[in-house]
Protein backbone atom coordinates (compact mmCIF):
# COMPACT_ATOMS: atom_id res chain seq x y z
CA UNK A 1 0.00 0.00 0.00
CA UNK A 2 1.36 3.40 -0.96
CA UNK A 3 1.96 6.04 1.67
CA UNK A 4 0.25 9.39 1.31
CA UNK A 5 3.01 11.94 0.85
CA UNK A 6 2.04 15.53 0.02
CA UNK A 7 5.69 16.56 -0.54
CA UNK A 8 5.80 14.23 -3.53
CA UNK A 9 3.53 16.57 -5.49
CA UNK A 10 5.18 19.81 -4.49
CA UNK A 11 5.30 22.54 -7.14
CA UNK A 12 8.62 22.96 -8.94
CA UNK A 13 10.72 25.98 -8.10
CA UNK A 14 12.03 26.16 -11.69
CA UNK A 15 8.75 27.36 -13.16
CA UNK A 16 6.88 26.18 -16.22
CA UNK A 17 8.35 25.11 -19.54
CA UNK A 18 9.09 28.09 -21.77
CA UNK A 19 7.98 28.57 -25.35
CA UNK A 20 11.53 28.16 -26.68
CA UNK A 21 11.93 24.84 -24.87
CA UNK A 22 8.60 23.56 -26.19
CA UNK A 23 9.42 24.60 -29.77
CA UNK A 24 12.85 23.02 -29.51
CA UNK A 25 11.24 19.78 -28.37
CA UNK A 26 8.72 19.84 -31.23
CA UNK A 27 11.36 20.59 -33.88
CA UNK A 28 13.67 17.86 -32.58
CA UNK A 29 10.84 15.30 -32.54
CA UNK A 30 9.81 16.19 -36.10
CA UNK A 31 13.41 15.88 -37.29
CA UNK A 32 13.96 12.59 -35.49
CA UNK A 33 10.73 10.89 -36.54
CA UNK A 34 10.88 12.36 -40.06
CA UNK A 35 14.42 11.07 -40.37
CA UNK A 36 13.29 7.58 -39.42
CA UNK A 37 10.55 7.73 -42.07
CA UNK A 38 12.97 9.08 -44.69
CA UNK A 39 15.44 6.28 -43.92
CA UNK A 40 12.67 3.70 -44.34
CA UNK A 41 11.72 5.15 -47.75
CA UNK A 42 15.29 4.60 -48.89
CA UNK A 43 14.71 0.85 -49.12
CA UNK A 44 11.98 1.24 -51.74
CA UNK A 45 13.94 3.59 -54.04
CA UNK A 46 16.58 2.74 -56.61
CA UNK A 47 20.17 2.39 -55.45
CA UNK A 48 21.51 5.95 -55.90
CA UNK A 49 18.38 7.79 -54.74
CA UNK A 50 18.02 5.36 -51.83
CA UNK A 51 21.53 6.12 -50.68
CA UNK A 52 20.82 9.87 -50.60
CA UNK A 53 17.47 9.35 -48.86
CA UNK A 54 19.08 7.19 -46.22
CA UNK A 55 21.90 9.69 -45.69
CA UNK A 56 19.42 12.58 -45.44
CA UNK A 57 17.34 10.65 -42.93
CA UNK A 58 20.42 9.84 -40.90
CA UNK A 59 21.43 13.52 -40.82
CA UNK A 60 17.91 14.48 -39.73
CA UNK A 61 17.96 11.92 -36.89
CA UNK A 62 21.37 13.08 -35.71
CA UNK A 63 20.21 16.71 -35.72
CA UNK A 64 17.00 15.69 -33.95
CA UNK A 65 19.06 14.18 -31.13
CA UNK A 66 21.68 16.96 -31.07
CA UNK A 67 19.37 19.97 -30.84
CA UNK A 68 17.76 19.35 -27.43
CA UNK A 69 21.00 18.30 -25.75
CA UNK A 70 22.98 21.26 -27.06
CA UNK A 71 20.12 23.62 -26.21
CA UNK A 72 19.99 22.40 -22.62
CA UNK A 73 23.76 22.74 -22.23
CA UNK A 74 23.68 26.34 -23.52
CA UNK A 75 20.73 27.12 -21.28
CA UNK A 76 22.74 25.96 -18.27
CA UNK A 77 20.58 23.13 -16.94
């Protein structure tokens, strides 16, 4: 049985998520998921176009993972 602990649901002292953080999250998710889709399309294309689609998808996924981590480091959290 769980204990009732009011301190567990205490409000954060850091405040709410800002607009820039939310937009960064949305852009990084679109890049990451779009990159996965683009890489999957590469297997249905011919050889040369498929190579460029896969490479473009890979770049998009890498950027999608890089953006939030570099943003948080610059922000100082």
